[in-house]
N, C-alpha and C. Protein backbone atom coordinates (compact mmCIF):
# COMPACT_ATOMS: atom_id res chain seq x y z
N MET A 1 216.97 299.38 270.82
CA MET A 1 217.79 298.15 271.54
C MET A 1 218.40 297.60 270.10
N ASN A 2 218.90 296.88 269.64
CA ASN A 2 219.10 295.70 269.08
C ASN A 2 219.03 294.13 269.67
N ASN A 3 218.12 293.42 268.72
CA ASN A 3 218.69 292.11 268.67
C ASN A 3 219.03 291.48 267.95
N ILE A 4 220.25 290.80 268.49
CA ILE A 4 220.82 290.09 267.58
C ILE A 4 221.00 288.18 267.75
N SER A 5 220.55 287.99 266.60
CA SER A 5 220.61 286.07 266.32
C SER A 5 222.20 285.44 266.47
N LEU A 6 222.27 284.32 266.59
CA LEU A 6 223.43 283.19 266.83
C LEU A 6 224.22 283.65 265.33
N GLY A 7 225.59 283.93 266.27
CA GLY A 7 226.60 284.02 265.77
C GLY A 7 227.46 284.76 266.29
N SER A 8 228.67 285.00 265.74
CA SER A 8 229.94 285.58 266.03
C SER A 8 229.67 286.83 265.93
N ILE A 9 230.07 288.09 266.94
CA ILE A 9 230.04 289.41 266.34
C ILE A 9 231.31 289.73 266.53
N PRO A 10 231.81 290.69 265.66
CA PRO A 10 233.08 291.36 265.71
C PRO A 10 233.16 292.33 266.65
N ILE A 11 233.75 292.70 267.71
CA ILE A 11 234.16 293.72 269.21
C ILE A 11 233.42 294.98 268.24
N GLU A 12 234.08 295.36 267.26
CA GLU A 12 233.86 296.57 266.50
C GLU A 12 232.01 296.48 265.89
N LYS A 13 231.65 295.92 266.21
CA LYS A 13 230.06 295.63 265.89
C LYS A 13 229.06 295.88 266.93
N ILE A 14 229.73 295.77 268.32
CA ILE A 14 229.01 295.72 269.62
C ILE A 14 228.60 297.11 269.80
N SER A 15 227.92 297.60 270.75
CA SER A 15 227.38 298.79 271.06
C SER A 15 226.48 298.74 272.18
N VAL A 16 226.12 299.42 272.99
CA VAL A 16 225.72 299.41 274.20
C VAL A 16 224.16 299.81 274.10
N GLY A 17 223.30 299.12 274.61
CA GLY A 17 222.29 298.46 274.47
C GLY A 17 221.58 296.80 273.53
N MET A 18 222.50 296.68 273.36
CA MET A 18 222.51 295.62 272.43
C MET A 18 221.85 294.19 273.56
N THR A 19 220.66 293.18 273.26
CA THR A 19 220.29 292.42 273.99
C THR A 19 220.66 291.64 273.78
N VAL A 20 220.12 290.36 274.10
CA VAL A 20 219.88 289.21 273.79
C VAL A 20 219.41 288.40 275.30
N SER A 21 218.20 287.36 274.55
CA SER A 21 217.96 286.49 276.18
C SER A 21 217.68 285.06 275.17
N TYR A 22 217.35 284.08 276.30
CA TYR A 22 217.60 282.85 275.80
C TYR A 22 216.07 282.54 277.16
N SER A 23 215.62 281.28 277.07
CA SER A 23 214.44 280.63 278.09
C SER A 23 214.31 279.22 277.60
N GLN A 24 214.07 278.99 279.25
CA GLN A 24 214.33 277.52 279.44
C GLN A 24 213.52 276.79 280.60
N THR A 25 212.55 276.00 280.43
CA THR A 25 211.76 275.84 281.42
C THR A 25 212.26 274.66 282.46
N ILE A 26 212.45 274.63 283.62
CA ILE A 26 213.72 273.56 284.69
C ILE A 26 212.34 272.68 285.00
N SER A 27 213.13 271.69 284.57
CA SER A 27 212.47 270.26 285.10
C SER A 27 213.34 269.66 286.00
N ASP A 28 212.43 268.77 286.63
CA ASP A 28 213.25 267.39 287.73
C ASP A 28 214.43 267.15 287.53
N SER A 29 214.34 266.70 286.03
CA SER A 29 215.66 265.80 285.35
C SER A 29 216.86 266.76 285.36
N ASP A 30 216.64 268.28 284.80
CA ASP A 30 217.80 269.11 284.73
C ASP A 30 217.94 269.55 286.35
N ILE A 31 217.11 269.50 287.45
CA ILE A 31 218.03 269.70 288.70
C ILE A 31 218.48 268.41 289.49
N LYS A 32 218.08 267.63 288.67
CA LYS A 32 219.15 266.38 289.06
C LYS A 32 220.14 265.87 288.36
N ALA A 33 220.15 266.77 286.96
CA ALA A 33 221.32 266.27 286.49
C ALA A 33 222.62 267.53 286.60
N PHE A 34 222.47 268.60 287.01
CA PHE A 34 222.68 269.64 287.58
C PHE A 34 223.19 269.18 288.31
N ALA A 35 222.69 268.67 290.22
CA ALA A 35 223.09 267.51 291.54
C ALA A 35 224.36 267.12 290.67
N GLY A 36 224.36 266.18 290.02
CA GLY A 36 225.11 265.39 289.42
C GLY A 36 226.10 266.00 288.67
N ILE A 37 226.21 266.80 288.34
CA ILE A 37 227.38 266.93 287.47
C ILE A 37 227.87 268.65 288.52
N SER A 38 227.37 269.32 289.22
CA SER A 38 227.89 270.21 290.59
C SER A 38 227.91 269.34 291.56
N GLY A 39 227.68 268.47 291.97
CA GLY A 39 227.84 267.82 293.34
C GLY A 39 227.19 268.48 294.12
N ASP A 40 226.38 269.32 294.13
CA ASP A 40 225.77 269.95 294.82
C ASP A 40 224.13 269.09 295.06
N HIS A 41 224.24 268.37 296.51
CA HIS A 41 223.13 267.33 296.55
C HIS A 41 222.54 268.21 297.56
N ASN A 42 222.14 269.20 297.90
CA ASN A 42 221.55 270.07 298.78
C ASN A 42 220.13 269.49 298.70
N PRO A 43 219.49 269.04 300.07
CA PRO A 43 218.51 268.62 299.77
C PRO A 43 217.29 269.47 299.57
N VAL A 44 217.55 270.70 299.23
CA VAL A 44 216.55 271.67 299.27
C VAL A 44 216.03 271.50 297.28
N HIS A 45 217.11 271.04 297.29
CA HIS A 45 217.38 270.85 295.83
C HIS A 45 216.62 269.53 295.04
N VAL A 46 217.24 268.42 296.05
CA VAL A 46 216.57 267.05 295.45
C VAL A 46 215.65 266.41 296.56
N ASP A 47 215.35 266.66 297.73
CA ASP A 47 214.82 266.22 298.23
C ASP A 47 213.50 267.13 298.86
N ALA A 48 212.22 265.90 297.97
CA ALA A 48 210.94 266.71 298.58
C ALA A 48 210.35 267.20 299.94
N GLU A 49 210.69 265.98 300.68
CA GLU A 49 210.45 265.92 302.08
C GLU A 49 211.19 266.77 302.75
N TYR A 50 212.45 266.94 302.56
CA TYR A 50 213.17 268.23 303.28
C TYR A 50 212.73 269.19 302.45
N ALA A 51 212.45 269.13 301.24
CA ALA A 51 212.66 271.16 300.76
C ALA A 51 210.86 270.99 301.01
N ALA A 52 209.88 270.54 301.75
CA ALA A 52 208.60 270.83 301.82
C ALA A 52 208.68 271.51 303.50
N ASN A 53 209.52 271.27 303.98
CA ASN A 53 209.64 271.73 305.57
C ASN A 53 210.95 272.69 305.84
N SER A 54 210.80 273.92 304.11
CA SER A 54 212.08 274.23 304.12
C SER A 54 211.41 276.00 304.45
N ARG A 55 211.96 277.48 303.69
CA ARG A 55 211.02 278.54 304.12
C ARG A 55 210.48 277.87 302.85
N PHE A 56 211.23 277.81 301.21
CA PHE A 56 210.51 278.22 300.22
C PHE A 56 209.71 276.98 300.17
N GLY A 57 209.08 275.68 300.55
CA GLY A 57 207.80 275.09 300.93
C GLY A 57 208.11 273.90 299.93
N LYS A 58 208.83 273.84 298.96
CA LYS A 58 208.85 272.77 297.67
C LYS A 58 210.33 273.01 296.81
N ARG A 59 210.93 271.95 296.44
CA ARG A 59 211.84 271.86 295.90
C ARG A 59 212.46 273.29 295.30
N ILE A 60 213.55 273.56 294.86
CA ILE A 60 213.90 274.51 294.13
C ILE A 60 215.13 274.53 293.24
N ALA A 61 215.59 274.80 292.12
CA ALA A 61 216.42 274.90 291.29
C ALA A 61 217.61 275.44 291.90
N HIS A 62 218.76 274.85 291.73
CA HIS A 62 220.31 275.57 292.08
C HIS A 62 220.04 277.03 291.24
N GLY A 63 220.62 277.86 292.37
CA GLY A 63 220.40 279.22 291.78
C GLY A 63 222.05 279.24 290.17
N LEU A 64 223.03 278.28 290.23
CA LEU A 64 224.02 278.69 289.30
C LEU A 64 223.84 277.97 288.18
N MET A 65 222.30 277.15 287.98
CA MET A 65 221.74 276.78 286.63
C MET A 65 220.73 277.97 285.79
N SER A 66 220.01 278.68 286.64
CA SER A 66 219.82 279.46 285.72
C SER A 66 220.76 280.79 285.34
N ALA A 67 221.85 280.93 286.20
CA ALA A 67 223.07 281.62 285.74
C ALA A 67 223.89 281.50 284.80
N GLY A 68 224.25 279.77 284.78
CA GLY A 68 224.37 279.02 282.91
C GLY A 68 223.99 279.61 281.93
N PHE A 69 222.48 280.20 282.06
CA PHE A 69 222.16 280.34 280.93
C PHE A 69 222.89 281.64 280.55
N PHE A 70 223.61 282.26 281.34
CA PHE A 70 224.32 283.82 280.86
C PHE A 70 225.97 283.05 279.87
N SER A 71 225.75 282.10 280.24
CA SER A 71 227.08 281.67 279.86
C SER A 71 226.69 281.39 278.54
N ALA A 72 225.22 280.42 278.26
CA ALA A 72 225.18 279.82 276.90
C ALA A 72 224.63 281.15 276.23
N LEU A 73 224.44 282.82 276.52
CA LEU A 73 224.07 283.55 275.68
C LEU A 73 225.30 284.07 274.89
N PHE A 74 226.03 284.76 275.76
CA PHE A 74 227.58 284.68 275.91
C PHE A 74 228.51 283.92 274.82
N GLY A 75 228.35 283.10 274.74
CA GLY A 75 228.82 281.78 274.02
C GLY A 75 228.64 281.32 272.68
N THR A 76 226.77 281.95 272.19
CA THR A 76 226.13 281.60 271.24
C THR A 76 225.91 282.79 270.45
N ARG A 77 225.29 283.48 271.11
CA ARG A 77 224.70 284.77 270.76
C ARG A 77 225.37 286.07 270.98
N LEU A 78 225.84 286.71 272.07
CA LEU A 78 226.32 287.79 272.16
C LEU A 78 227.39 287.78 273.00
N PRO A 79 228.86 288.20 272.70
CA PRO A 79 229.52 288.24 271.74
C PRO A 79 229.75 286.83 270.79
N GLY A 80 229.38 285.37 270.43
CA GLY A 80 229.21 284.26 270.16
C GLY A 80 230.66 283.89 270.53
N PRO A 81 230.60 282.54 269.51
CA PRO A 81 231.98 282.04 269.59
C PRO A 81 233.25 282.17 269.69
N GLY A 82 234.22 281.63 270.98
CA GLY A 82 235.19 282.34 270.84
C GLY A 82 235.55 283.18 272.42
N CYS A 83 234.56 283.60 272.81
CA CYS A 83 234.34 285.01 273.86
C CYS A 83 235.11 283.92 274.72
N VAL A 84 235.17 284.25 275.76
CA VAL A 84 236.03 283.90 277.43
C VAL A 84 235.56 284.68 278.36
N TYR A 85 234.91 284.57 279.12
CA TYR A 85 234.43 284.78 280.55
C TYR A 85 235.66 285.19 281.45
N VAL A 86 235.51 287.20 282.16
CA VAL A 86 236.51 286.92 282.65
C VAL A 86 235.67 287.13 284.05
N SER A 87 234.71 287.53 284.14
CA SER A 87 234.18 288.05 285.25
C SER A 87 232.40 287.87 285.51
N GLN A 88 231.82 287.55 286.66
CA GLN A 88 230.38 287.41 286.92
C GLN A 88 230.17 288.12 288.52
N SER A 89 229.57 288.96 288.35
CA SER A 89 228.40 289.44 289.63
C SER A 89 227.34 288.72 289.58
N LEU A 90 226.57 288.18 290.69
CA LEU A 90 225.05 287.29 290.94
C LEU A 90 224.74 287.80 292.29
N ASN A 91 223.27 288.08 291.85
CA ASN A 91 222.69 288.57 293.11
C ASN A 91 221.22 287.93 293.13
N PHE A 92 220.78 286.89 293.69
CA PHE A 92 220.09 285.81 293.99
C PHE A 92 218.55 286.77 294.84
N LYS A 93 217.70 287.03 294.26
CA LYS A 93 216.64 288.04 294.08
C LYS A 93 215.26 286.92 295.08
N ARG A 94 214.94 285.58 294.04
CA ARG A 94 214.09 284.78 294.54
C ARG A 94 214.42 283.79 294.12
N PRO A 95 213.75 282.55 294.61
CA PRO A 95 213.74 281.53 293.84
C PRO A 95 213.59 280.80 293.11
N VAL A 96 213.69 279.87 292.07
CA VAL A 96 213.35 278.91 290.60
C VAL A 96 212.70 277.93 291.10
N TYR A 97 211.47 277.76 290.50
CA TYR A 97 210.79 275.86 290.91
C TYR A 97 210.97 275.20 289.99
N ILE A 98 210.84 273.89 289.75
CA ILE A 98 210.34 273.51 289.39
C ILE A 98 209.20 273.02 287.92
N ASP A 99 209.00 273.38 286.90
CA ASP A 99 208.31 273.97 285.46
C ASP A 99 207.78 275.70 285.40
N ASP A 100 208.85 276.05 286.67
CA ASP A 100 209.04 277.76 285.97
C ASP A 100 210.08 278.05 284.96
N THR A 101 209.40 278.73 284.24
CA THR A 101 210.34 278.90 282.84
C THR A 101 211.45 280.45 283.28
N VAL A 102 211.76 279.91 282.67
CA VAL A 102 213.56 281.18 283.31
C VAL A 102 213.76 282.17 281.67
N VAL A 103 213.90 283.16 281.55
CA VAL A 103 214.08 284.10 280.98
C VAL A 103 215.28 284.81 281.53
N ALA A 104 216.65 284.94 281.24
CA ALA A 104 217.89 285.32 281.09
C ALA A 104 218.13 285.93 279.61
N GLN A 105 218.65 287.23 280.53
CA GLN A 105 218.70 288.37 279.35
C GLN A 105 220.13 289.01 280.03
N VAL A 106 220.82 289.47 277.97
CA VAL A 106 222.03 290.12 278.69
C VAL A 106 222.35 291.22 277.81
N THR A 107 222.38 292.43 278.70
CA THR A 107 222.96 293.65 277.54
C THR A 107 223.90 294.65 278.23
N VAL A 108 224.29 294.96 276.27
CA VAL A 108 226.07 295.40 276.44
C VAL A 108 225.77 296.90 277.50
N THR A 109 226.37 297.02 278.36
CA THR A 109 226.26 298.49 278.83
C THR A 109 228.18 299.04 278.50
N GLU A 110 229.10 298.80 278.14
CA GLU A 110 230.37 298.96 277.86
C GLU A 110 231.61 298.56 276.84
N VAL A 111 231.98 298.73 276.06
CA VAL A 111 232.39 298.06 275.08
C VAL A 111 233.66 298.77 274.70
N ASN A 112 234.74 298.00 275.49
CA ASN A 112 236.32 298.53 275.94
C ASN A 112 237.40 297.90 274.57
N LEU A 113 237.30 298.87 273.06
CA LEU A 113 238.64 298.25 272.30
C LEU A 113 239.38 298.13 272.41
N LYS A 114 240.14 298.62 272.92
CA LYS A 114 241.67 298.44 273.65
C LYS A 114 242.29 297.91 274.47
N SER A 115 240.89 297.02 275.17
CA SER A 115 241.51 295.65 275.83
C SER A 115 240.62 294.63 275.52
N ASN A 116 239.52 294.52 274.56
CA ASN A 116 238.90 293.94 274.14
C ASN A 116 237.72 292.74 274.83
N LYS A 117 237.01 293.81 275.83
CA LYS A 117 236.25 293.65 276.36
C LYS A 117 235.21 294.35 276.35
N VAL A 118 234.13 293.64 277.19
CA VAL A 118 232.37 294.05 276.47
C VAL A 118 231.86 293.56 278.05
N SER A 119 231.41 294.20 278.79
CA SER A 119 230.25 294.19 280.06
C SER A 119 228.98 294.10 279.73
N PHE A 120 228.14 293.44 280.37
CA PHE A 120 227.09 293.17 280.59
C PHE A 120 226.13 293.31 281.50
N GLU A 121 225.04 293.63 281.10
CA GLU A 121 223.81 293.73 282.84
C GLU A 121 223.20 292.07 282.30
N THR A 122 223.22 291.54 283.38
CA THR A 122 222.73 290.08 283.41
C THR A 122 221.54 290.24 284.62
N THR A 123 220.20 289.45 283.77
CA THR A 123 219.17 289.57 284.34
C THR A 123 218.54 288.04 284.19
N CYS A 124 217.75 287.21 285.16
CA CYS A 124 217.50 286.12 285.11
C CYS A 124 215.65 287.20 285.29
N LYS A 125 214.73 286.44 284.73
CA LYS A 125 213.24 286.96 285.30
C LYS A 125 212.16 285.17 285.65
N VAL A 126 211.42 285.86 285.93
CA VAL A 126 209.93 284.32 286.02
C VAL A 126 209.24 285.07 286.26
N LYS A 127 208.00 284.25 285.42
CA LYS A 127 207.06 285.82 285.02
C LYS A 127 207.48 286.79 285.71
N ASN A 128 207.99 287.52 284.40
CA ASN A 128 207.81 289.12 284.71
C ASN A 128 208.92 288.94 285.99
N LYS A 129 209.06 288.02 286.76
CA LYS A 129 209.72 289.18 288.38
C LYS A 129 211.43 288.83 288.26
N VAL A 130 211.90 289.53 288.69
CA VAL A 130 213.62 289.67 288.62
C VAL A 130 214.03 288.39 289.54
N VAL A 131 214.71 287.16 289.16
CA VAL A 131 214.86 286.31 290.40
C VAL A 131 216.51 286.21 290.32
N ILE A 132 217.27 286.78 289.48
CA ILE A 132 218.97 286.83 289.43
C ILE A 132 219.09 288.06 289.00
N THR A 133 220.22 288.98 289.10
CA THR A 133 220.68 290.56 288.54
C THR A 133 222.28 290.08 289.23
N GLY A 134 222.65 290.61 287.85
CA GLY A 134 224.10 290.98 287.80
C GLY A 134 224.75 291.80 286.89
N SER A 135 226.67 291.42 286.81
CA SER A 135 226.95 292.05 285.74
C SER A 135 227.97 291.25 285.58
N ALA A 136 228.14 290.87 284.60
CA ALA A 136 229.46 290.32 283.83
C ALA A 136 230.71 290.85 282.71
N GLU A 137 231.64 290.36 282.71
CA GLU A 137 232.50 291.07 281.93
C GLU A 137 233.11 289.75 281.11
N ILE A 138 233.24 290.24 279.30
CA ILE A 138 233.24 288.70 278.72
C ILE A 138 234.83 290.04 278.03
N TYR A 139 235.55 288.89 277.87
CA TYR A 139 237.02 289.08 276.54
C TYR A 139 236.60 288.26 275.33
N ILE A 140 236.86 289.41 273.95
CA ILE A 140 236.67 288.87 273.32
C ILE A 140 238.41 288.58 272.56
N PRO A 141 238.71 287.30 272.09
CA PRO A 141 240.18 287.60 271.10
C PRO A 141 240.29 288.29 270.01
N PRO A 142 241.26 289.20 269.53
CA PRO A 142 241.38 289.63 268.45
C PRO A 142 241.60 288.21 266.98
N ILE A 143 240.79 288.94 266.14
CA ILE A 143 240.38 287.57 265.12
C ILE A 143 242.05 287.84 264.58
N LYS A 144 242.98 286.61 264.00
CA LYS A 144 243.94 286.43 264.01
C LYS A 144 243.52 286.22 262.02
N PRO A 145 244.75 286.94 261.75
CA PRO A 145 245.00 287.11 259.78
C PRO A 145 244.97 286.23 259.45
């Protein structure tokens, strides 16, 4: 497996197995900001008393916040600036709590030079336990001369 650093990678240089990752610790302010931006003020995310009586026992982060780290990887690392999301599937396996460090990873599973699309396996983990799985397809616009 190849690890790629920051930068735009031409589709011809992308190969199956390439992988990049990003990690971030989730804070109370992250959750509040995401609620404000997304409009999702579900009390399981923003109300400690409500969340304490939920099946989770305490407040949890929005699942799409962690899934958003995939977009960060695609847009800044692999393939990098200029790429466009085509699709993303997500399976939420476990909750993410305040102070959890989420490690998002994307791995190339297919490169289609004819359509300029790259497919990825997408995974988020907390303490080496999978919290999100899925797959994504990214379009890489042709480079104009």
